Amino acid sequence: MISNQKSDDAVMVAYPNPARDFIMVKSKDASLKIKSVTFYSILGMQVAEYQINKNSEEIRLDKLRPGKYLMRYVLSDNTQKVTQIVKQ
């Protein structure tokens, strides 16, 4: 398995992925803040939510058990995206 990969799209990057203790989320556009990040189990149940309101933030993953999660983020312009992350 390759480590230190990034979940990367046009508006935000999240790394490392897979992650152990934390994941760093960062808006690619300096004028946009990340309003919130929500984690869901693969079954669609919400397991954690964080209010960020910054361009970047380190999110501790202590609450999450090892496995695959869907991470939904909302930016200050109300753009919403979902990406998959792996907690080791």
PDB file of N, CA and C in Angstrom:
ATOM      1  N   MET A   1       0.845  -1.182   0.000  1.00  0.00           N
ATOM      2  CA  MET A   1       0.000   0.000   0.000  1.00  0.00           C
ATOM      3  C   MET A   1       0.887   1.241   0.000  1.00  0.00           C
ATOM      4  N   ILE A   2       0.529   2.204  -0.782  1.00  0.00           N
ATOM      5  CA  ILE A   2       1.276   3.457  -0.847  1.00  0.00           C
ATOM      6  C   ILE A   2       0.813   4.360   0.279  1.00  0.00           C
ATOM      7  N   SER A   3       1.759   4.924   1.025  1.00  0.00           N
ATOM      8  CA  SER A   3       1.372   5.831   2.107  1.00  0.00           C
ATOM      9  C   SER A   3       1.582   7.271   1.671  1.00  0.00           C
ATOM     10  N   ASN A   4       1.051   8.187   2.464  1.00  0.00           N
ATOM     11  CA  ASN A   4       1.180   9.625   2.233  1.00  0.00           C
ATOM     12  C   ASN A   4       0.541  10.088   0.932  1.00  0.00           C
ATOM     13  N   GLN A   5      -0.499   9.416   0.490  1.00  0.00           N
ATOM     14  CA  GLN A   5      -1.237   9.902  -0.664  1.00  0.00           C
ATOM     15  C   GLN A   5      -2.164  11.017  -0.218  1.00  0.00           C
ATOM     16  N   LYS A   6      -2.660  11.748  -1.181  1.00  0.00           N
ATOM     17  CA  LYS A   6      -3.576  12.847  -0.896  1.00  0.00           C
ATOM     18  C   LYS A   6      -4.921  12.578  -1.552  1.00  0.00           C
ATOM     19  N   SER A   7      -5.982  12.964  -0.849  1.00  0.00           N
ATOM     20  CA  SER A   7      -7.296  13.059  -1.484  1.00  0.00           C
ATOM     21  C   SER A   7      -7.347  14.480  -2.012  1.00  0.00           C
ATOM     22  N   ASP A   8      -7.362  14.615  -3.312  1.00  0.00           N
ATOM     23  CA  ASP A   8      -7.164  15.919  -3.934  1.00  0.00           C
ATOM     24  C   ASP A   8      -8.253  16.149  -4.974  1.00  0.00           C
ATOM     25  N   ASP A   9      -8.888  17.305  -4.916  1.00  0.00           N
ATOM     26  CA  ASP A   9      -9.822  17.680  -5.970  1.00  0.00           C
ATOM     27  C   ASP A   9      -9.593  19.145  -6.313  1.00  0.00           C
ATOM     28  N   ALA A  10     -10.492  19.732  -7.051  1.00  0.00           N
ATOM     29  CA  ALA A  10     -10.283  21.096  -7.535  1.00  0.00           C
ATOM     30  C   ALA A  10     -10.281  22.145  -6.432  1.00  0.00           C
ATOM     31  N   VAL A  11     -10.913  21.855  -5.295  1.00  0.00           N
ATOM     32  CA  VAL A  11     -11.078  22.897  -4.280  1.00  0.00           C
ATOM     33  C   VAL A  11     -10.433  22.601  -2.932  1.00  0.00           C
ATOM     34  N   MET A  12     -10.152  21.323  -2.629  1.00  0.00           N
ATOM     35  CA  MET A  12      -9.586  20.992  -1.327  1.00  0.00           C
ATOM     36  C   MET A  12      -8.673  19.791  -1.420  1.00  0.00           C
ATOM     37  N   VAL A  13      -7.700  19.742  -0.501  1.00  0.00           N
ATOM     38  CA  VAL A  13      -6.808  18.597  -0.406  1.00  0.00           C
ATOM     39  C   VAL A  13      -6.851  18.088   1.036  1.00  0.00           C
ATOM     40  N   ALA A  14      -6.794  16.763   1.203  1.00  0.00           N
ATOM     41  CA  ALA A  14      -6.760  16.140   2.527  1.00  0.00           C
ATOM     42  C   ALA A  14      -5.635  15.109   2.526  1.00  0.00           C
ATOM     43  N   TYR A  15      -4.761  15.182   3.517  1.00  0.00           N
ATOM     44  CA  TYR A  15      -3.621  14.261   3.577  1.00  0.00           C
ATOM     45  C   TYR A  15      -3.162  14.078   5.007  1.00  0.00           C
ATOM     46  N   PRO A  16      -2.434  13.035   5.360  1.00  0.00           N
ATOM     47  CA  PRO A  16      -2.144  11.852   4.528  1.00  0.00           C
ATOM     48  C   PRO A  16      -3.388  10.979   4.403  1.00  0.00           C
ATOM     49  N   ASN A  17      -3.400  10.156   3.400  1.00  0.00           N
ATOM     50  CA  ASN A  17      -4.492   9.209   3.207  1.00  0.00           C
ATOM     51  C   ASN A  17      -3.909   7.944   2.603  1.00  0.00           C
ATOM     52  N   PRO A  18      -3.801   6.872   3.361  1.00  0.00           N
ATOM     53  CA  PRO A  18      -4.395   6.591   4.663  1.00  0.00           C
ATOM     54  C   PRO A  18      -3.759   7.401   5.795  1.00  0.00           C
ATOM     55  N   ALA A  19      -4.521   7.583   6.872  1.00  0.00           N
ATOM     56  CA  ALA A  19      -4.094   8.387   8.018  1.00  0.00           C
ATOM     57  C   ALA A  19      -4.132   7.544   9.288  1.00  0.00           C
ATOM     58  N   ARG A  20      -3.334   7.954  10.277  1.00  0.00           N
ATOM     59  CA  ARG A  20      -3.341   7.270  11.574  1.00  0.00           C
ATOM     60  C   ARG A  20      -3.950   8.151  12.655  1.00  0.00           C
ATOM     61  N   ASP A  21      -3.256   9.218  13.015  1.00  0.00           N
ATOM     62  CA  ASP A  21      -3.649  10.050  14.152  1.00  0.00           C
ATOM     63  C   ASP A  21      -4.390  11.319  13.752  1.00  0.00           C
ATOM     64  N   PHE A  22      -4.127  11.812  12.549  1.00  0.00           N
ATOM     65  CA  PHE A  22      -4.737  13.071  12.121  1.00  0.00           C
ATOM     66  C   PHE A  22      -4.831  13.099  10.605  1.00  0.00           C
ATOM     67  N   ILE A  23      -5.642  14.021  10.119  1.00  0.00           N
ATOM     68  CA  ILE A  23      -5.690  14.318   8.691  1.00  0.00           C
ATOM     69  C   ILE A  23      -5.677  15.839   8.553  1.00  0.00           C
ATOM     70  N   MET A  24      -4.906  16.327   7.614  1.00  0.00           N
ATOM     71  CA  MET A  24      -4.811  17.762   7.355  1.00  0.00           C
ATOM     72  C   MET A  24      -5.741  18.090   6.195  1.00  0.00           C
ATOM     73  N   VAL A  25      -6.623  19.060   6.385  1.00  0.00           N
ATOM     74  CA  VAL A  25      -7.503  19.514   5.304  1.00  0.00           C
ATOM     75  C   VAL A  25      -7.132  20.947   4.963  1.00  0.00           C
ATOM     76  N   LYS A  26      -7.102  21.244   3.672  1.00  0.00           N
ATOM     77  CA  LYS A  26      -6.662  22.570   3.233  1.00  0.00           C
ATOM     78  C   LYS A  26      -7.429  22.992   1.989  1.00  0.00           C
ATOM     79  N   SER A  27      -7.964  24.209   2.023  1.00  0.00           N
ATOM     80  CA  SER A  27      -8.638  24.785   0.864  1.00  0.00           C
ATOM     81  C   SER A  27      -7.576  25.237  -0.132  1.00  0.00           C
ATOM     82  N   LYS A  28      -7.790  24.946  -1.416  1.00  0.00           N
ATOM     83  CA  LYS A  28      -6.835  25.376  -2.439  1.00  0.00           C
ATOM     84  C   LYS A  28      -7.001  26.843  -2.799  1.00  0.00           C
ATOM     85  N   ASP A  29      -8.160  27.404  -2.494  1.00  0.00           N
ATOM     86  CA  ASP A  29      -8.450  28.808  -2.790  1.00  0.00           C
ATOM     87  C   ASP A  29      -8.354  29.595  -1.488  1.00  0.00           C
ATOM     88  N   ALA A  30      -7.398  30.499  -1.402  1.00  0.00           N
ATOM     89  CA  ALA A  30      -7.171  31.261  -0.168  1.00  0.00           C
ATOM     90  C   ALA A  30      -8.385  32.080   0.257  1.00  0.00           C
ATOM     91  N   SER A  31      -9.276  32.382  -0.678  1.00  0.00           N
ATOM     92  CA  SER A  31     -10.459  33.176  -0.328  1.00  0.00           C
ATOM     93  C   SER A  31     -11.594  32.318   0.245  1.00  0.00           C
ATOM     94  N   LEU A  32     -11.454  30.994   0.179  1.00  0.00           N
ATOM     95  CA  LEU A  32     -12.492  30.093   0.693  1.00  0.00           C
ATOM     96  C   LEU A  32     -12.039  29.418   1.977  1.00  0.00           C
ATOM     97  N   LYS A  33     -12.912  29.425   2.963  1.00  0.00           N
ATOM     98  CA  LYS A  33     -12.640  28.719   4.211  1.00  0.00           C
ATOM     99  C   LYS A  33     -13.404  27.399   4.207  1.00  0.00           C
ATOM    100  N   ILE A  34     -12.881  26.444   4.950  1.00  0.00           N
ATOM    101  CA  ILE A  34     -13.581  25.184   5.155  1.00  0.00           C
ATOM    102  C   ILE A  34     -14.519  25.406   6.335  1.00  0.00           C
ATOM    103  N   LYS A  35     -15.827  25.379   6.089  1.00  0.00           N
ATOM    104  CA  LYS A  35     -16.795  25.609   7.167  1.00  0.00           C
ATOM    105  C   LYS A  35     -16.881  24.404   8.095  1.00  0.00           C
ATOM    106  N   SER A  36     -17.036  23.215   7.509  1.00  0.00           N
ATOM    107  CA  SER A  36     -17.192  22.027   8.346  1.00  0.00           C
ATOM    108  C   SER A  36     -16.685  20.791   7.623  1.00  0.00           C
ATOM    109  N   VAL A  37     -16.332  19.787   8.433  1.00  0.00           N
ATOM    110  CA  VAL A  37     -15.926  18.480   7.931  1.00  0.00           C
ATOM    111  C   VAL A  37     -16.713  17.449   8.734  1.00  0.00           C
ATOM    112  N   THR A  38     -17.372  16.531   8.034  1.00  0.00           N
ATOM    113  CA  THR A  38     -18.167  15.493   8.684  1.00  0.00           C
ATOM    114  C   THR A  38     -17.714  14.135   8.168  1.00  0.00           C
ATOM    115  N   PHE A  39     -17.550  13.193   9.092  1.00  0.00           N
ATOM    116  CA  PHE A  39     -17.151  11.835   8.739  1.00  0.00           C
ATOM    117  C   PHE A  39     -18.350  10.906   8.866  1.00  0.00           C
ATOM    118  N   TYR A  40     -18.494  10.021   7.873  1.00  0.00           N
ATOM    119  CA  TYR A  40     -19.561   9.031   7.856  1.00  0.00           C
ATOM    120  C   TYR A  40     -18.952   7.649   7.692  1.00  0.00           C
ATOM    121  N   SER A  41     -19.574   6.663   8.333  1.00  0.00           N
ATOM    122  CA  SER A  41     -19.172   5.279   8.106  1.00  0.00           C
ATOM    123  C   SER A  41     -19.570   4.908   6.680  1.00  0.00           C
ATOM    124  N   ILE A  42     -19.039   3.814   6.193  1.00  0.00           N
ATOM    125  CA  ILE A  42     -19.386   3.341   4.853  1.00  0.00           C
ATOM    126  C   ILE A  42     -20.893   3.056   4.761  1.00  0.00           C
ATOM    127  N   LEU A  43     -21.530   2.773   5.902  1.00  0.00           N
ATOM    128  CA  LEU A  43     -22.974   2.527   5.929  1.00  0.00           C
ATOM    129  C   LEU A  43     -23.787   3.816   5.941  1.00  0.00           C
ATOM    130  N   GLY A  44     -23.093   4.980   5.987  1.00  0.00           N
ATOM    131  CA  GLY A  44     -23.781   6.257   5.916  1.00  0.00           C
ATOM    132  C   GLY A  44     -24.130   6.889   7.251  1.00  0.00           C
ATOM    133  N   MET A  45     -23.682   6.298   8.356  1.00  0.00           N
ATOM    134  CA  MET A  45     -23.962   6.875   9.674  1.00  0.00           C
ATOM    135  C   MET A  45     -22.913   7.925  10.018  1.00  0.00           C
ATOM    136  N   GLN A  46     -23.362   9.098  10.494  1.00  0.00           N
ATOM    137  CA  GLN A  46     -22.425  10.149  10.893  1.00  0.00           C
ATOM    138  C   GLN A  46     -21.681   9.707  12.148  1.00  0.00           C
ATOM    139  N   VAL A  47     -20.339   9.819  12.118  1.00  0.00           N
ATOM    140  CA  VAL A  47     -19.538   9.396  13.271  1.00  0.00           C
ATOM    141  C   VAL A  47     -18.771  10.545  13.913  1.00  0.00           C
ATOM    142  N   ALA A  48     -18.567  11.641  13.200  1.00  0.00           N
ATOM    143  CA  ALA A  48     -17.867  12.799  13.775  1.00  0.00           C
ATOM    144  C   ALA A  48     -18.134  14.023  12.907  1.00  0.00           C
ATOM    145  N   GLU A  49     -18.147  15.197  13.558  1.00  0.00           N
ATOM    146  CA  GLU A  49     -18.330  16.449  12.822  1.00  0.00           C
ATOM    147  C   GLU A  49     -17.472  17.524  13.463  1.00  0.00           C
ATOM    148  N   TYR A  50     -16.840  18.337  12.624  1.00  0.00           N
ATOM    149  CA  TYR A  50     -15.955  19.400  13.101  1.00  0.00           C
ATOM    150  C   TYR A  50     -16.313  20.704  12.404  1.00  0.00           C
ATOM    151  N   GLN A  51     -16.438  21.773  13.174  1.00  0.00           N
ATOM    152  CA  GLN A  51     -16.631  23.116  12.631  1.00  0.00           C
ATOM    153  C   GLN A  51     -15.236  23.728  12.505  1.00  0.00           C
ATOM    154  N   ILE A  52     -14.819  24.088  11.309  1.00  0.00           N
ATOM    155  CA  ILE A  52     -13.447  24.526  11.058  1.00  0.00           C
ATOM    156  C   ILE A  52     -13.361  26.047  10.936  1.00  0.00           C
ATOM    157  N   ASN A  53     -14.014  26.614   9.933  1.00  0.00           N
ATOM    158  CA  ASN A  53     -14.000  28.058   9.650  1.00  0.00           C
ATOM    159  C   ASN A  53     -12.596  28.634   9.482  1.00  0.00           C
ATOM    160  N   LYS A  54     -11.733  27.868   8.817  1.00  0.00           N
ATOM    161  CA  LYS A  54     -10.365  28.297   8.488  1.00  0.00           C
ATOM    162  C   LYS A  54     -10.029  27.758   7.102  1.00  0.00           C
ATOM    163  N   ASN A  55      -8.890  28.224   6.555  1.00  0.00           N
ATOM    164  CA  ASN A  55      -8.429  27.709   5.261  1.00  0.00           C
ATOM    165  C   ASN A  55      -7.813  26.321   5.383  1.00  0.00           C
ATOM    166  N   SER A  56      -7.251  26.017   6.564  1.00  0.00           N
ATOM    167  CA  SER A  56      -6.665  24.695   6.774  1.00  0.00           C
ATOM    168  C   SER A  56      -6.758  24.330   8.251  1.00  0.00           C
ATOM    169  N   GLU A  57      -6.741  23.023   8.503  1.00  0.00           N
ATOM    170  CA  GLU A  57      -6.865  22.555   9.882  1.00  0.00           C
ATOM    171  C   GLU A  57      -6.378  21.117   9.971  1.00  0.00           C
ATOM    172  N   GLU A  58      -5.736  20.790  11.085  1.00  0.00           N
ATOM    173  CA  GLU A  58      -5.372  19.415  11.387  1.00  0.00           C
ATOM    174  C   GLU A  58      -6.502  18.823  12.221  1.00  0.00           C
ATOM    175  N   ILE A  59      -7.090  17.741  11.743  1.00  0.00           N
ATOM    176  CA  ILE A  59      -8.200  17.099  12.443  1.00  0.00           C
ATOM    177  C   ILE A  59      -7.700  15.815  13.085  1.00  0.00           C
ATOM    178  N   ARG A  60      -7.852  15.723  14.393  1.00  0.00           N
ATOM    179  CA  ARG A  60      -7.476  14.513  15.125  1.00  0.00           C
ATOM    180  C   ARG A  60      -8.481  13.409  14.800  1.00  0.00           C
ATOM    181  N   LEU A  61      -7.980  12.201  14.626  1.00  0.00           N
ATOM    182  CA  LEU A  61      -8.840  11.079  14.270  1.00  0.00           C
ATOM    183  C   LEU A  61      -9.003  10.088  15.421  1.00  0.00           C
ATOM    184  N   ASP A  62      -8.749  10.525  16.650  1.00  0.00           N
ATOM    185  CA  ASP A  62      -8.829   9.654  17.824  1.00  0.00           C
ATOM    186  C   ASP A  62     -10.193   8.977  17.959  1.00  0.00           C
ATOM    187  N   LYS A  63     -11.268   9.673  17.572  1.00  0.00           N
ATOM    188  CA  LYS A  63     -12.630   9.152  17.739  1.00  0.00           C
ATOM    189  C   LYS A  63     -12.969   8.045  16.741  1.00  0.00           C
ATOM    190  N   LEU A  64     -12.180   7.931  15.681  1.00  0.00           N
ATOM    191  CA  LEU A  64     -12.502   6.987  14.613  1.00  0.00           C
ATOM    192  C   LEU A  64     -11.744   5.679  14.775  1.00  0.00           C
ATOM    193  N   ARG A  65     -12.451   4.578  14.566  1.00  0.00           N
ATOM    194  CA  ARG A  65     -11.807   3.268  14.560  1.00  0.00           C
ATOM    195  C   ARG A  65     -11.152   3.071  13.188  1.00  0.00           C
ATOM    196  N   PRO A  66     -10.179   2.173  13.094  1.00  0.00           N
ATOM    197  CA  PRO A  66      -9.585   1.893  11.783  1.00  0.00           C
ATOM    198  C   PRO A  66     -10.650   1.429  10.782  1.00  0.00           C
ATOM    199  N   GLY A  67     -10.537   1.917   9.559  1.00  0.00           N
ATOM    200  CA  GLY A  67     -11.477   1.538   8.509  1.00  0.00           C
ATOM    201  C   GLY A  67     -11.627   2.631   7.471  1.00  0.00           C
ATOM    202  N   LYS A  68     -12.569   2.435   6.559  1.00  0.00           N
ATOM    203  CA  LYS A  68     -12.844   3.414   5.503  1.00  0.00           C
ATOM    204  C   LYS A  68     -13.978   4.327   5.940  1.00  0.00           C
ATOM    205  N   TYR A  69     -13.842   5.609   5.604  1.00  0.00           N
ATOM    206  CA  TYR A  69     -14.850   6.608   5.942  1.00  0.00           C
ATOM    207  C   TYR A  69     -15.099   7.516   4.751  1.00  0.00           C
ATOM    208  N   LEU A  70     -16.288   8.075   4.703  1.00  0.00           N
ATOM    209  CA  LEU A  70     -16.592   9.134   3.756  1.00  0.00           C
ATOM    210  C   LEU A  70     -16.454  10.447   4.507  1.00  0.00           C
ATOM    211  N   MET A  71     -15.713  11.372   3.935  1.00  0.00           N
ATOM    212  CA  MET A  71     -15.493  12.675   4.553  1.00  0.00           C
ATOM    213  C   MET A  71     -16.188  13.718   3.687  1.00  0.00           C
ATOM    214  N   ARG A  72     -17.186  14.390   4.267  1.00  0.00           N
ATOM    215  CA  ARG A  72     -17.911  15.446   3.547  1.00  0.00           C
ATOM    216  C   ARG A  72     -17.450  16.781   4.095  1.00  0.00           C
ATOM    217  N   TYR A  73     -17.124  17.681   3.190  1.00  0.00           N
ATOM    218  CA  TYR A  73     -16.738  19.016   3.634  1.00  0.00           C
ATOM    219  C   TYR A  73     -17.587  20.059   2.943  1.00  0.00           C
ATOM    220  N   VAL A  74     -17.764  21.169   3.658  1.00  0.00           N
ATOM    221  CA  VAL A  74     -18.532  22.300   3.149  1.00  0.00           C
ATOM    222  C   VAL A  74     -17.629  23.521   3.216  1.00  0.00           C
ATOM    223  N   LEU A  75     -17.519  24.242   2.097  1.00  0.00           N
ATOM    224  CA  LEU A  75     -16.698  25.452   2.043  1.00  0.00           C
ATOM    225  C   LEU A  75     -17.561  26.688   2.280  1.00  0.00           C
ATOM    226  N   SER A  76     -16.901  27.817   2.479  1.00  0.00           N
ATOM    227  CA  SER A  76     -17.611  29.068   2.787  1.00  0.00           C
ATOM    228  C   SER A  76     -18.527  29.540   1.654  1.00  0.00           C
ATOM    229  N   ASP A  77     -18.312  29.057   0.426  1.00  0.00           N
ATOM    230  CA  ASP A  77     -19.231  29.397  -0.672  1.00  0.00           C
ATOM    231  C   ASP A  77     -20.333  28.336  -0.822  1.00  0.00           C
ATOM    232  N   ASN A  78     -20.428  27.458   0.190  1.00  0.00           N
ATOM    233  CA  ASN A  78     -21.403  26.363   0.266  1.00  0.00           C
ATOM    234  C   ASN A  78     -21.158  25.224  -0.721  1.00  0.00           C
ATOM    235  N   THR A  79     -19.971  25.175  -1.344  1.00  0.00           N
ATOM    236  CA  THR A  79     -19.577  24.009  -2.118  1.00  0.00           C
ATOM    237  C   THR A  79     -19.499  22.826  -1.159  1.00  0.00           C
ATOM    238  N   GLN A  80     -20.054  21.683  -1.572  1.00  0.00           N
ATOM    239  CA  GLN A  80     -19.993  20.468  -0.763  1.00  0.00           C
ATOM    240  C   GLN A  80     -19.406  19.355  -1.604  1.00  0.00           C
ATOM    241  N   LYS A  81     -18.495  18.609  -1.021  1.00  0.00           N
ATOM    242  CA  LYS A  81     -17.887  17.474  -1.708  1.00  0.00           C
ATOM    243  C   LYS A  81     -17.727  16.334  -0.714  1.00  0.00           C
ATOM    244  N   VAL A  82     -17.626  15.124  -1.251  1.00  0.00           N
ATOM    245  CA  VAL A  82     -17.396  13.938  -0.433  1.00  0.00           C
ATOM    246  C   VAL A  82     -16.193  13.206  -1.005  1.00  0.00           C
ATOM    247  N   THR A  83     -15.298  12.766  -0.121  1.00  0.00           N
ATOM    248  CA  THR A  83     -14.145  11.978  -0.520  1.00  0.00           C
ATOM    249  C   THR A  83     -13.984  10.831   0.463  1.00  0.00           C
ATOM    250  N   GLN A  84     -13.292   9.793   0.050  1.00  0.00           N
ATOM    251  CA  GLN A  84     -13.076   8.647   0.937  1.00  0.00           C
ATOM    252  C   GLN A  84     -11.708   8.755   1.589  1.00  0.00           C
ATOM    253  N   ILE A  85     -11.648   8.467   2.888  1.00  0.00           N
ATOM    254  CA  ILE A  85     -10.365   8.390   3.573  1.00  0.00           C
ATOM    255  C   ILE A  85     -10.277   7.047   4.298  1.00  0.00           C
ATOM    256  N   VAL A  86      -9.053   6.649   4.589  1.00  0.00           N
ATOM    257  CA  VAL A  86      -8.811   5.405   5.316  1.00  0.00           C
ATOM    258  C   VAL A  86      -8.105   5.743   6.611  1.00  0.00           C
ATOM    259  N   LYS A  87      -8.661   5.280   7.733  1.00  0.00           N
ATOM    260  CA  LYS A  87      -8.024   5.429   9.054  1.00  0.00           C
ATOM    261  C   LYS A  87      -7.351   4.104   9.355  1.00  0.00           C
ATOM    262  N   GLN A  88      -6.041   4.146   9.599  1.00  0.00           N
ATOM    263  CA  GLN A  88      -5.293   2.920   9.902  1.00  0.00           C
ATOM    264  C   GLN A  88      -5.294   2.634  11.376  1.00  0.00           C
TER     265      GLN A  88
END
